[in-house]
Amino acid sequence: MYDDQNSQPPRMWANLKREMQKNWQLWWRLFTHPRVSILAKAMPVLALLYWLNPLDFPTAPLLGMTPIDDAAAVLLGLKLFVELSPQDVVAAIRHELEYGTPSDDEVIDASYRVLDDE
C-alpha cells in the first residue's frame, strides 16, 4: 500500500492533528467558561507550573522518569481539568466542536399534521 515501510498513513496524522485541535479548543473554552470552578481551572495552571519548574522531585532521577514525569503531569492535569468541569458544559462544548452550531440560515421553521390517528 505504501512504498516506504516507515511512512505513516497521511490520514492518521490528519486525524491526530484534528483531535489535538479539538482538545485545545475544548480546554480553552472550558478555561474561559464562567461555570467552571476555580479549582478545576487551577489544574492546568498547576500542571504548567510543574512543567516549567526547573527542579525535579528527588525520586524522579532514581526511577528514570525525568523526561516522562513532566509530560505525565501535564496530561494528568488536563485530564483532571476536564473531569472536574461540569459535565453538561463539557458535553455541550464537545457537541459544538464536533457538529458546529446551527446558524439562523440553517434552521427550518415548519409545521406538521398527523395523517393517521391510529
PDB file of N, CA and C in Angstrom:
ATOM      1  N   MET A   1       0.824  -1.189   0.000  1.00  0.00           N
ATOM      2  CA  MET A   1       0.000   0.000   0.000  1.00  0.00           C
ATOM      3  C   MET A   1       0.873   1.259   0.000  1.00  0.00           C
ATOM      4  N   TYR A   2       1.838   1.319   0.916  1.00  0.00           N
ATOM      5  CA  TYR A   2       2.770   2.440   0.969  1.00  0.00           C
ATOM      6  C   TYR A   2       4.137   1.930   0.554  1.00  0.00           C
ATOM      7  N   ASP A   3       4.854   2.739  -0.208  1.00  0.00           N
ATOM      8  CA  ASP A   3       6.155   2.314  -0.721  1.00  0.00           C
ATOM      9  C   ASP A   3       7.174   2.191   0.404  1.00  0.00           C
ATOM     10  N   ASP A   4       7.206   3.146   1.281  1.00  0.00           N
ATOM     11  CA  ASP A   4       8.183   3.167   2.362  1.00  0.00           C
ATOM     12  C   ASP A   4       7.583   2.511   3.601  1.00  0.00           C
ATOM     13  N   GLN A   5       8.296   1.591   4.202  1.00  0.00           N
ATOM     14  CA  GLN A   5       7.792   0.905   5.388  1.00  0.00           C
ATOM     15  C   GLN A   5       7.680   1.843   6.588  1.00  0.00           C
ATOM     16  N   ASN A   6       8.482   2.890   6.639  1.00  0.00           N
ATOM     17  CA  ASN A   6       8.481   3.806   7.778  1.00  0.00           C
ATOM     18  C   ASN A   6       7.444   4.914   7.664  1.00  0.00           C
ATOM     19  N   SER A   7       6.841   5.092   6.520  1.00  0.00           N
ATOM     20  CA  SER A   7       5.879   6.178   6.359  1.00  0.00           C
ATOM     21  C   SER A   7       4.552   5.804   7.013  1.00  0.00           C
ATOM     22  N   GLN A   8       3.939   6.753   7.641  1.00  0.00           N
ATOM     23  CA  GLN A   8       2.645   6.568   8.284  1.00  0.00           C
ATOM     24  C   GLN A   8       1.558   7.031   7.321  1.00  0.00           C
ATOM     25  N   PRO A   9       0.386   6.455   7.438  1.00  0.00           N
ATOM     26  CA  PRO A   9      -0.698   6.911   6.573  1.00  0.00           C
ATOM     27  C   PRO A   9      -1.008   8.383   6.828  1.00  0.00           C
ATOM     28  N   PRO A  10      -1.151   9.169   5.777  1.00  0.00           N
ATOM     29  CA  PRO A  10      -1.438  10.597   5.960  1.00  0.00           C
ATOM     30  C   PRO A  10      -2.738  10.838   6.708  1.00  0.00           C
ATOM     31  N   ARG A  11      -3.697   9.945   6.557  1.00  0.00           N
ATOM     32  CA  ARG A  11      -4.985  10.111   7.230  1.00  0.00           C
ATOM     33  C   ARG A  11      -4.818  10.063   8.750  1.00  0.00           C
ATOM     34  N   MET A  12      -3.921   9.206   9.227  1.00  0.00           N
ATOM     35  CA  MET A  12      -3.684   9.094  10.656  1.00  0.00           C
ATOM     36  C   MET A  12      -3.158  10.414  11.224  1.00  0.00           C
ATOM     37  N   TRP A  13      -2.213  11.030  10.534  1.00  0.00           N
ATOM     38  CA  TRP A  13      -1.659  12.302  11.005  1.00  0.00           C
ATOM     39  C   TRP A  13      -2.697  13.406  10.932  1.00  0.00           C
ATOM     40  N   ALA A  14      -3.539  13.396   9.915  1.00  0.00           N
ATOM     41  CA  ALA A  14      -4.596  14.402   9.800  1.00  0.00           C
ATOM     42  C   ALA A  14      -5.606  14.233  10.934  1.00  0.00           C
ATOM     43  N   ASN A  15      -5.960  12.982  11.257  1.00  0.00           N
ATOM     44  CA  ASN A  15      -6.881  12.744  12.370  1.00  0.00           C
ATOM     45  C   ASN A  15      -6.275  13.165  13.695  1.00  0.00           C
ATOM     46  N   LEU A  16      -5.001  12.864  13.893  1.00  0.00           N
ATOM     47  CA  LEU A  16      -4.317  13.260  15.122  1.00  0.00           C
ATOM     48  C   LEU A  16      -4.297  14.778  15.263  1.00  0.00           C
ATOM     49  N   LYS A  17      -4.005  15.468  14.176  1.00  0.00           N
ATOM     50  CA  LYS A  17      -3.986  16.933  14.202  1.00  0.00           C
ATOM     51  C   LYS A  17      -5.375  17.490  14.520  1.00  0.00           C
ATOM     52  N   ARG A  18      -6.414  16.908  13.916  1.00  0.00           N
ATOM     53  CA  ARG A  18      -7.774  17.385  14.161  1.00  0.00           C
ATOM     54  C   ARG A  18      -8.182  17.156  15.619  1.00  0.00           C
ATOM     55  N   GLU A  19      -7.850  15.987  16.167  1.00  0.00           N
ATOM     56  CA  GLU A  19      -8.195  15.701  17.558  1.00  0.00           C
ATOM     57  C   GLU A  19      -7.436  16.617  18.522  1.00  0.00           C
ATOM     58  N   MET A  20      -6.188  16.909  18.230  1.00  0.00           N
ATOM     59  CA  MET A  20      -5.428  17.826  19.085  1.00  0.00           C
ATOM     60  C   MET A  20      -6.027  19.233  19.043  1.00  0.00           C
ATOM     61  N   GLN A  21      -6.454  19.676  17.862  1.00  0.00           N
ATOM     62  CA  GLN A  21      -7.088  20.984  17.753  1.00  0.00           C
ATOM     63  C   GLN A  21      -8.384  21.025  18.549  1.00  0.00           C
ATOM     64  N   LYS A  22      -9.173  19.958  18.477  1.00  0.00           N
ATOM     65  CA  LYS A  22     -10.417  19.907  19.250  1.00  0.00           C
ATOM     66  C   LYS A  22     -10.138  19.934  20.746  1.00  0.00           C
ATOM     67  N   ASN A  23      -9.112  19.197  21.173  1.00  0.00           N
ATOM     68  CA  ASN A  23      -8.769  19.198  22.599  1.00  0.00           C
ATOM     69  C   ASN A  23      -8.314  20.572  23.065  1.00  0.00           C
ATOM     70  N   TRP A  24      -7.481  21.239  22.275  1.00  0.00           N
ATOM     71  CA  TRP A  24      -7.041  22.588  22.661  1.00  0.00           C
ATOM     72  C   TRP A  24      -8.238  23.535  22.754  1.00  0.00           C
ATOM     73  N   GLN A  25      -9.144  23.447  21.785  1.00  0.00           N
ATOM     74  CA  GLN A  25     -10.327  24.302  21.821  1.00  0.00           C
ATOM     75  C   GLN A  25     -11.203  23.967  23.018  1.00  0.00           C
ATOM     76  N   LEU A  26     -11.346  22.682  23.325  1.00  0.00           N
ATOM     77  CA  LEU A  26     -12.117  22.277  24.495  1.00  0.00           C
ATOM     78  C   LEU A  26     -11.503  22.844  25.765  1.00  0.00           C
ATOM     79  N   TRP A  27     -10.194  22.695  25.932  1.00  0.00           N
ATOM     80  CA  TRP A  27      -9.521  23.195  27.137  1.00  0.00           C
ATOM     81  C   TRP A  27      -9.652  24.706  27.253  1.00  0.00           C
ATOM     82  N   TRP A  28      -9.486  25.414  26.141  1.00  0.00           N
ATOM     83  CA  TRP A  28      -9.566  26.866  26.202  1.00  0.00           C
ATOM     84  C   TRP A  28     -10.984  27.326  26.529  1.00  0.00           C
ATOM     85  N   ARG A  29     -11.992  26.722  25.893  1.00  0.00           N
ATOM     86  CA  ARG A  29     -13.379  27.115  26.161  1.00  0.00           C
ATOM     87  C   ARG A  29     -13.786  26.777  27.585  1.00  0.00           C
ATOM     88  N   LEU A  30     -13.313  25.638  28.096  1.00  0.00           N
ATOM     89  CA  LEU A  30     -13.597  25.315  29.500  1.00  0.00           C
ATOM     90  C   LEU A  30     -12.901  26.304  30.425  1.00  0.00           C
ATOM     91  N   PHE A  31     -11.678  26.678  30.089  1.00  0.00           N
ATOM     92  CA  PHE A  31     -10.925  27.599  30.945  1.00  0.00           C
ATOM     93  C   PHE A  31     -11.574  28.976  30.987  1.00  0.00           C
ATOM     94  N   THR A  32     -12.226  29.388  29.908  1.00  0.00           N
ATOM     95  CA  THR A  32     -12.854  30.709  29.874  1.00  0.00           C
ATOM     96  C   THR A  32     -14.340  30.662  30.212  1.00  0.00           C
ATOM     97  N   HIS A  33     -14.878  29.464  30.449  1.00  0.00           N
ATOM     98  CA  HIS A  33     -16.307  29.339  30.744  1.00  0.00           C
ATOM     99  C   HIS A  33     -16.582  29.751  32.192  1.00  0.00           C
ATOM    100  N   PRO A  34     -17.645  30.551  32.435  1.00  0.00           N
ATOM    101  CA  PRO A  34     -17.904  31.030  33.805  1.00  0.00           C
ATOM    102  C   PRO A  34     -18.399  29.949  34.772  1.00  0.00           C
ATOM    103  N   ARG A  35     -18.965  28.854  34.268  1.00  0.00           N
ATOM    104  CA  ARG A  35     -19.477  27.819  35.171  1.00  0.00           C
ATOM    105  C   ARG A  35     -18.408  26.865  35.675  1.00  0.00           C
ATOM    106  N   VAL A  36     -17.227  26.911  35.110  1.00  0.00           N
ATOM    107  CA  VAL A  36     -16.146  26.030  35.544  1.00  0.00           C
ATOM    108  C   VAL A  36     -15.507  26.654  36.797  1.00  0.00           C
ATOM    109  N   SER A  37     -15.345  25.831  37.827  1.00  0.00           N
ATOM    110  CA  SER A  37     -14.868  26.333  39.112  1.00  0.00           C
ATOM    111  C   SER A  37     -13.390  26.721  39.056  1.00  0.00           C
ATOM    112  N   ILE A  38     -12.997  27.512  40.032  1.00  0.00           N
ATOM    113  CA  ILE A  38     -11.604  27.942  40.153  1.00  0.00           C
ATOM    114  C   ILE A  38     -10.708  26.731  40.426  1.00  0.00           C
ATOM    115  N   LEU A  39     -11.195  25.772  41.208  1.00  0.00           N
ATOM    116  CA  LEU A  39     -10.418  24.565  41.497  1.00  0.00           C
ATOM    117  C   LEU A  39     -10.100  23.806  40.214  1.00  0.00           C
ATOM    118  N   ALA A  40     -11.080  23.673  39.358  1.00  0.00           N
ATOM    119  CA  ALA A  40     -10.844  22.981  38.086  1.00  0.00           C
ATOM    120  C   ALA A  40      -9.871  23.779  37.218  1.00  0.00           C
ATOM    121  N   LYS A  41     -10.018  25.086  37.203  1.00  0.00           N
ATOM    122  CA  LYS A  41      -9.128  25.918  36.387  1.00  0.00           C
ATOM    123  C   LYS A  41      -7.706  25.940  36.930  1.00  0.00           C
ATOM    124  N   ALA A  42      -7.540  25.603  38.203  1.00  0.00           N
ATOM    125  CA  ALA A  42      -6.198  25.562  38.795  1.00  0.00           C
ATOM    126  C   ALA A  42      -5.403  24.361  38.294  1.00  0.00           C
ATOM    127  N   MET A  43      -6.082  23.292  37.885  1.00  0.00           N
ATOM    128  CA  MET A  43      -5.381  22.074  37.471  1.00  0.00           C
ATOM    129  C   MET A  43      -4.432  22.291  36.293  1.00  0.00           C
ATOM    130  N   PRO A  44      -4.873  22.862  35.172  1.00  0.00           N
ATOM    131  CA  PRO A  44      -3.915  23.050  34.081  1.00  0.00           C
ATOM    132  C   PRO A  44      -2.833  24.074  34.424  1.00  0.00           C
ATOM    133  N   VAL A  45      -3.179  25.051  35.265  1.00  0.00           N
ATOM    134  CA  VAL A  45      -2.181  26.050  35.661  1.00  0.00           C
ATOM    135  C   VAL A  45      -1.095  25.390  36.501  1.00  0.00           C
ATOM    136  N   LEU A  46      -1.496  24.555  37.462  1.00  0.00           N
ATOM    137  CA  LEU A  46      -0.520  23.851  38.298  1.00  0.00           C
ATOM    138  C   LEU A  46       0.318  22.878  37.475  1.00  0.00           C
ATOM    139  N   ALA A  47      -0.307  22.219  36.507  1.00  0.00           N
ATOM    140  CA  ALA A  47       0.445  21.307  35.641  1.00  0.00           C
ATOM    141  C   ALA A  47       1.471  22.075  34.809  1.00  0.00           C
ATOM    142  N   LEU A  48       1.086  23.234  34.315  1.00  0.00           N
ATOM    143  CA  LEU A  48       2.028  24.061  33.553  1.00  0.00           C
ATOM    144  C   LEU A  48       3.165  24.556  34.432  1.00  0.00           C
ATOM    145  N   LEU A  49       2.846  24.952  35.659  1.00  0.00           N
ATOM    146  CA  LEU A  49       3.896  25.390  36.580  1.00  0.00           C
ATOM    147  C   LEU A  49       4.848  24.249  36.919  1.00  0.00           C
ATOM    148  N   TYR A  50       4.314  23.044  37.085  1.00  0.00           N
ATOM    149  CA  TYR A  50       5.176  21.885  37.337  1.00  0.00           C
ATOM    150  C   TYR A  50       6.097  21.638  36.154  1.00  0.00           C
ATOM    151  N   TRP A  51       5.566  21.787  34.937  1.00  0.00           N
ATOM    152  CA  TRP A  51       6.369  21.573  33.746  1.00  0.00           C
ATOM    153  C   TRP A  51       7.478  22.625  33.636  1.00  0.00           C
ATOM    154  N   LEU A  52       7.175  23.875  34.013  1.00  0.00           N
ATOM    155  CA  LEU A  52       8.158  24.949  33.932  1.00  0.00           C
ATOM    156  C   LEU A  52       9.136  24.952  35.099  1.00  0.00           C
ATOM    157  N   ASN A  53       8.824  24.204  36.153  1.00  0.00           N
ATOM    158  CA  ASN A  53       9.666  24.160  37.337  1.00  0.00           C
ATOM    159  C   ASN A  53      11.036  23.575  36.979  1.00  0.00           C
ATOM    160  N   PRO A  54      12.125  24.307  37.273  1.00  0.00           N
ATOM    161  CA  PRO A  54      13.450  23.786  36.922  1.00  0.00           C
ATOM    162  C   PRO A  54      13.900  22.641  37.832  1.00  0.00           C
ATOM    163  N   LEU A  55      13.286  22.498  38.990  1.00  0.00           N
ATOM    164  CA  LEU A  55      13.671  21.447  39.922  1.00  0.00           C
ATOM    165  C   LEU A  55      12.745  20.247  39.783  1.00  0.00           C
ATOM    166  N   ASP A  56      13.311  19.060  39.800  1.00  0.00           N
ATOM    167  CA  ASP A  56      12.518  17.843  39.782  1.00  0.00           C
ATOM    168  C   ASP A  56      12.492  17.260  41.177  1.00  0.00           C
ATOM    169  N   PHE A  57      11.500  16.418  41.419  1.00  0.00           N
ATOM    170  CA  PHE A  57      11.461  15.737  42.705  1.00  0.00           C
ATOM    171  C   PHE A  57      12.685  14.833  42.820  1.00  0.00           C
ATOM    172  N   PRO A  58      13.219  14.646  44.034  1.00  0.00           N
ATOM    173  CA  PRO A  58      14.443  13.852  44.174  1.00  0.00           C
ATOM    174  C   PRO A  58      14.292  12.394  43.748  1.00  0.00           C
ATOM    175  N   THR A  59      13.086  11.843  43.778  1.00  0.00           N
ATOM    176  CA  THR A  59      12.921  10.436  43.414  1.00  0.00           C
ATOM    177  C   THR A  59      12.825  10.230  41.907  1.00  0.00           C
ATOM    178  N   ALA A  60      12.548  11.271  41.159  1.00  0.00           N
ATOM    179  CA  ALA A  60      12.358  11.111  39.714  1.00  0.00           C
ATOM    180  C   ALA A  60      13.613  10.582  39.013  1.00  0.00           C
ATOM    181  N   PRO A  61      14.828  11.124  39.291  1.00  0.00           N
ATOM    182  CA  PRO A  61      16.011  10.558  38.617  1.00  0.00           C
ATOM    183  C   PRO A  61      16.280   9.111  39.025  1.00  0.00           C
ATOM    184  N   LEU A  62      15.938   8.749  40.250  1.00  0.00           N
ATOM    185  CA  LEU A  62      16.162   7.373  40.687  1.00  0.00           C
ATOM    186  C   LEU A  62      15.276   6.396  39.940  1.00  0.00           C
ATOM    187  N   LEU A  63      14.065   6.836  39.591  1.00  0.00           N
ATOM    188  CA  LEU A  63      13.138   5.974  38.870  1.00  0.00           C
ATOM    189  C   LEU A  63      13.345   6.036  37.360  1.00  0.00           C
ATOM    190  N   GLY A  64      14.178   6.950  36.916  1.00  0.00           N
ATOM    191  CA  GLY A  64      14.411   7.086  35.488  1.00  0.00           C
ATOM    192  C   GLY A  64      13.253   7.718  34.757  1.00  0.00           C
ATOM    193  N   MET A  65      12.468   8.561  35.433  1.00  0.00           N
ATOM    194  CA  MET A  65      11.263   9.133  34.842  1.00  0.00           C
ATOM    195  C   MET A  65      11.391  10.624  34.556  1.00  0.00           C
ATOM    196  N   THR A  66      12.559  11.180  34.602  1.00  0.00           N
ATOM    197  CA  THR A  66      12.690  12.628  34.485  1.00  0.00           C
ATOM    198  C   THR A  66      12.033  13.193  33.234  1.00  0.00           C
ATOM    199  N   PRO A  67      12.258  12.666  32.036  1.00  0.00           N
ATOM    200  CA  PRO A  67      11.587  13.253  30.880  1.00  0.00           C
ATOM    201  C   PRO A  67      10.101  12.914  30.807  1.00  0.00           C
ATOM    202  N   ILE A  68       9.713  11.801  31.400  1.00  0.00           N
ATOM    203  CA  ILE A  68       8.335  11.349  31.289  1.00  0.00           C
ATOM    204  C   ILE A  68       7.434  12.006  32.322  1.00  0.00           C
ATOM    205  N   ASP A  69       7.966  12.312  33.500  1.00  0.00           N
ATOM    206  CA  ASP A  69       7.091  12.809  34.561  1.00  0.00           C
ATOM    207  C   ASP A  69       6.511  14.178  34.241  1.00  0.00           C
ATOM    208  N   ASP A  70       7.237  15.011  33.524  1.00  0.00           N
ATOM    209  CA  ASP A  70       6.701  16.320  33.151  1.00  0.00           C
ATOM    210  C   ASP A  70       5.520  16.170  32.190  1.00  0.00           C
ATOM    211  N   ALA A  71       5.674  15.327  31.196  1.00  0.00           N
ATOM    212  CA  ALA A  71       4.580  15.109  30.242  1.00  0.00           C
ATOM    213  C   ALA A  71       3.391  14.447  30.925  1.00  0.00           C
ATOM    214  N   ALA A  72       3.668  13.502  31.805  1.00  0.00           N
ATOM    215  CA  ALA A  72       2.586  12.831  32.524  1.00  0.00           C
ATOM    216  C   ALA A  72       1.838  13.808  33.430  1.00  0.00           C
ATOM    217  N   ALA A  73       2.561  14.717  34.083  1.00  0.00           N
ATOM    218  CA  ALA A  73       1.918  15.696  34.962  1.00  0.00           C
ATOM    219  C   ALA A  73       1.023  16.644  34.169  1.00  0.00           C
ATOM    220  N   VAL A  74       1.481  17.077  33.015  1.00  0.00           N
ATOM    221  CA  VAL A  74       0.668  17.970  32.185  1.00  0.00           C
ATOM    222  C   VAL A  74      -0.581  17.249  31.693  1.00  0.00           C
ATOM    223  N   LEU A  75      -0.422  16.028  31.205  1.00  0.00           N
ATOM    224  CA  LEU A  75      -1.583  15.272  30.714  1.00  0.00           C
ATOM    225  C   LEU A  75      -2.556  14.947  31.837  1.00  0.00           C
ATOM    226  N   LEU A  76      -2.036  14.607  33.006  1.00  0.00           N
ATOM    227  CA  LEU A  76      -2.902  14.331  34.145  1.00  0.00           C
ATOM    228  C   LEU A  76      -3.638  15.593  34.587  1.00  0.00           C
ATOM    229  N   GLY A  77      -2.949  16.726  34.594  1.00  0.00           N
ATOM    230  CA  GLY A  77      -3.596  17.984  34.956  1.00  0.00           C
ATOM    231  C   GLY A  77      -4.709  18.358  33.992  1.00  0.00           C
ATOM    232  N   LEU A  78      -4.489  18.147  32.704  1.00  0.00           N
ATOM    233  CA  LEU A  78      -5.527  18.452  31.718  1.00  0.00           C
ATOM    234  C   LEU A  78      -6.690  17.477  31.820  1.00  0.00           C
ATOM    235  N   LYS A  79      -6.400  16.203  32.088  1.00  0.00           N
ATOM    236  CA  LYS A  79      -7.466  15.213  32.264  1.00  0.00           C
ATOM    237  C   LYS A  79      -8.305  15.549  33.496  1.00  0.00           C
ATOM    238  N   LEU A  80      -7.661  15.903  34.610  1.00  0.00           N
ATOM    239  CA  LEU A  80      -8.391  16.293  35.817  1.00  0.00           C
ATOM    240  C   LEU A  80      -9.204  17.561  35.588  1.00  0.00           C
ATOM    241  N   PHE A  81      -8.670  18.472  34.804  1.00  0.00           N
ATOM    242  CA  PHE A  81      -9.374  19.709  34.484  1.00  0.00           C
ATOM    243  C   PHE A  81     -10.700  19.409  33.797  1.00  0.00           C
ATOM    244  N   VAL A  82     -10.683  18.512  32.823  1.00  0.00           N
ATOM    245  CA  VAL A  82     -11.913  18.153  32.114  1.00  0.00           C
ATOM    246  C   VAL A  82     -12.852  17.389  33.045  1.00  0.00           C
ATOM    247  N   GLU A  83     -12.310  16.494  33.877  1.00  0.00           N
ATOM    248  CA  GLU A  83     -13.145  15.701  34.777  1.00  0.00           C
ATOM    249  C   GLU A  83     -13.778  16.554  35.877  1.00  0.00           C
ATOM    250  N   LEU A  84     -13.093  17.592  36.344  1.00  0.00           N
ATOM    251  CA  LEU A  84     -13.630  18.455  37.399  1.00  0.00           C
ATOM    252  C   LEU A  84     -14.588  19.515  36.870  1.00  0.00           C
ATOM    253  N   SER A  85     -14.605  19.706  35.570  1.00  0.00           N
ATOM    254  CA  SER A  85     -15.519  20.681  34.971  1.00  0.00           C
ATOM    255  C   SER A  85     -16.923  20.092  34.940  1.00  0.00           C
ATOM    256  N   PRO A  86     -17.954  20.958  34.946  1.00  0.00           N
ATOM    257  CA  PRO A  86     -19.325  20.434  34.854  1.00  0.00           C
ATOM    258  C   PRO A  86     -19.508  19.628  33.563  1.00  0.00           C
ATOM    259  N   GLN A  87     -20.013  18.421  33.718  1.00  0.00           N
ATOM    260  CA  GLN A  87     -20.085  17.507  32.575  1.00  0.00           C
ATOM    261  C   GLN A  87     -21.072  17.965  31.505  1.00  0.00           C
ATOM    262  N   ASP A  88     -22.109  18.714  31.896  1.00  0.00           N
ATOM    263  CA  ASP A  88     -23.024  19.219  30.877  1.00  0.00           C
ATOM    264  C   ASP A  88     -22.350  20.289  30.018  1.00  0.00           C
ATOM    265  N   VAL A  89     -21.468  21.071  30.630  1.00  0.00           N
ATOM    266  CA  VAL A  89     -20.719  22.080  29.872  1.00  0.00           C
ATOM    267  C   VAL A  89     -19.737  21.387  28.934  1.00  0.00           C
ATOM    268  N   VAL A  90     -19.049  20.365  29.442  1.00  0.00           N
ATOM    269  CA  VAL A  90     -18.095  19.617  28.613  1.00  0.00           C
ATOM    270  C   VAL A  90     -18.819  18.975  27.431  1.00  0.00           C
ATOM    271  N   ALA A  91     -19.976  18.362  27.697  1.00  0.00           N
ATOM    272  CA  ALA A  91     -20.731  17.710  26.625  1.00  0.00           C
ATOM    273  C   ALA A  91     -21.212  18.731  25.591  1.00  0.00           C
ATOM    274  N   ALA A  92     -21.666  19.887  26.050  1.00  0.00           N
ATOM    275  CA  ALA A  92     -22.145  20.912  25.115  1.00  0.00           C
ATOM    276  C   ALA A  92     -21.004  21.433  24.245  1.00  0.00           C
ATOM    277  N   ILE A  93     -19.843  21.654  24.842  1.00  0.00           N
ATOM    278  CA  ILE A  93     -18.708  22.163  24.068  1.00  0.00           C
ATOM    279  C   ILE A  93     -18.221  21.102  23.082  1.00  0.00           C
ATOM    280  N   ARG A  94     -18.155  19.838  23.525  1.00  0.00           N
ATOM    281  CA  ARG A  94     -17.738  18.769  22.611  1.00  0.00           C
ATOM    282  C   ARG A  94     -18.716  18.629  21.450  1.00  0.00           C
ATOM    283  N   HIS A  95     -20.005  18.736  21.733  1.00  0.00           N
ATOM    284  CA  HIS A  95     -21.006  18.653  20.660  1.00  0.00           C
ATOM    285  C   HIS A  95     -20.842  19.814  19.692  1.00  0.00           C
ATOM    286  N   GLU A  96     -20.612  20.994  20.224  1.00  0.00           N
ATOM    287  CA  GLU A  96     -20.418  22.164  19.365  1.00  0.00           C
ATOM    288  C   GLU A  96     -19.163  22.023  18.519  1.00  0.00           C
ATOM    289  N   LEU A  97     -18.092  21.489  19.093  1.00  0.00           N
ATOM    290  CA  LEU A  97     -16.864  21.303  18.326  1.00  0.00           C
ATOM    291  C   LEU A  97     -17.021  20.230  17.252  1.00  0.00           C
ATOM    292  N   GLU A  98     -17.806  19.216  17.551  1.00  0.00           N
ATOM    293  CA  GLU A  98     -17.979  18.117  16.593  1.00  0.00           C
ATOM    294  C   GLU A  98     -18.926  18.490  15.459  1.00  0.00           C
ATOM    295  N   TYR A  99     -20.049  19.105  15.805  1.00  0.00           N
ATOM    296  CA  TYR A  99     -21.090  19.350  14.810  1.00  0.00           C
ATOM    297  C   TYR A  99     -21.282  20.818  14.458  1.00  0.00           C
ATOM    298  N   GLY A 100     -20.676  21.717  15.204  1.00  0.00           N
ATOM    299  CA  GLY A 100     -20.861  23.135  14.953  1.00  0.00           C
ATOM    300  C   GLY A 100     -22.179  23.621  15.532  1.00  0.00           C
ATOM    301  N   THR A 101     -22.390  24.894  15.477  1.00  0.00           N
ATOM    302  CA  THR A 101     -23.646  25.458  15.960  1.00  0.00           C
ATOM    303  C   THR A 101     -24.483  25.862  14.761  1.00  0.00           C
ATOM    304  N   PRO A 102     -25.753  25.591  14.805  1.00  0.00           N
ATOM    305  CA  PRO A 102     -26.586  25.975  13.666  1.00  0.00           C
ATOM    306  C   PRO A 102     -26.760  27.494  13.619  1.00  0.00           C
ATOM    307  N   SER A 103     -26.682  28.036  12.441  1.00  0.00           N
ATOM    308  CA  SER A 103     -26.940  29.466  12.285  1.00  0.00           C
ATOM    309  C   SER A 103     -28.425  29.664  11.997  1.00  0.00           C
ATOM    310  N   ASP A 104     -28.859  30.903  11.958  1.00  0.00           N
ATOM    311  CA  ASP A 104     -30.264  31.183  11.675  1.00  0.00           C
ATOM    312  C   ASP A 104     -30.650  30.740  10.267  1.00  0.00           C
ATOM    313  N   ASP A 105     -29.691  30.692   9.354  1.00  0.00           N
ATOM    314  CA  ASP A 105     -29.976  30.267   7.982  1.00  0.00           C
ATOM    315  C   ASP A 105     -30.241  28.762   7.893  1.00  0.00           C
ATOM    316  N   GLU A 106     -29.707  27.992   8.840  1.00  0.00           N
ATOM    317  CA  GLU A 106     -29.845  26.543   8.776  1.00  0.00           C
ATOM    318  C   GLU A 106     -31.124  26.045   9.446  1.00  0.00           C
ATOM    319  N   VAL A 107     -31.788  26.874  10.228  1.00  0.00           N
ATOM    320  CA  VAL A 107     -32.994  26.452  10.930  1.00  0.00           C
ATOM    321  C   VAL A 107     -34.182  26.552   9.992  1.00  0.00           C
ATOM    322  N   ILE A 108     -34.959  25.483   9.934  1.00  0.00           N
ATOM    323  CA  ILE A 108     -36.129  25.448   9.065  1.00  0.00           C
ATOM    324  C   ILE A 108     -37.369  25.456   9.948  1.00  0.00           C
ATOM    325  N   ASP A 109     -38.164  26.504   9.853  1.00  0.00           N
ATOM    326  CA  ASP A 109     -39.437  26.555  10.565  1.00  0.00           C
ATOM    327  C   ASP A 109     -40.459  25.771   9.764  1.00  0.00           C
ATOM    328  N   ALA A 110     -41.171  24.882  10.441  1.00  0.00           N
ATOM    329  CA  ALA A 110     -42.159  24.060   9.742  1.00  0.00           C
ATOM    330  C   ALA A 110     -43.282  23.696  10.701  1.00  0.00           C
ATOM    331  N   SER A 111     -44.381  23.260  10.131  1.00  0.00           N
ATOM    332  CA  SER A 111     -45.487  22.752  10.932  1.00  0.00           C
ATOM    333  C   SER A 111     -45.794  21.346  10.429  1.00  0.00           C
ATOM    334  N   TYR A 112     -46.544  20.605  11.214  1.00  0.00           N
ATOM    335  CA  TYR A 112     -46.867  19.257  10.822  1.00  0.00           C
ATOM    336  C   TYR A 112     -48.316  18.958  11.180  1.00  0.00           C
ATOM    337  N   ARG A 113     -48.823  17.905  10.609  1.00  0.00           N
ATOM    338  CA  ARG A 113     -50.158  17.422  10.958  1.00  0.00           C
ATOM    339  C   ARG A 113     -50.148  15.910  10.923  1.00  0.00           C
ATOM    340  N   VAL A 114     -50.901  15.285  11.771  1.00  0.00           N
ATOM    341  CA  VAL A 114     -50.976  13.838  11.863  1.00  0.00           C
ATOM    342  C   VAL A 114     -51.975  13.344  10.817  1.00  0.00           C
ATOM    343  N   LEU A 115     -51.556  12.436   9.960  1.00  0.00           N
ATOM    344  CA  LEU A 115     -52.417  11.921   8.897  1.00  0.00           C
ATOM    345  C   LEU A 115     -53.191  10.691   9.344  1.00  0.00           C
ATOM    346  N   ASP A 116     -52.654   9.943  10.255  1.00  0.00           N
ATOM    347  CA  ASP A 116     -53.311   8.707  10.688  1.00  0.00           C
ATOM    348  C   ASP A 116     -53.431   8.717  12.198  1.00  0.00           C
ATOM    349  N   ASP A 117     -54.642   8.732  12.735  1.00  0.00           N
ATOM    350  CA  ASP A 117     -54.844   8.797  14.178  1.00  0.00           C
ATOM    351  C   ASP A 117     -54.561   7.477  14.876  1.00  0.00           C
ATOM    352  N   GLU A 118     -54.592   6.406  14.176  1.00  0.00           N
ATOM    353  CA  GLU A 118     -54.454   5.097  14.812  1.00  0.00           C
ATOM    354  C   GLU A 118     -53.092   4.910  15.246  1.00  0.00           C
TER     355      GLU A 118
END
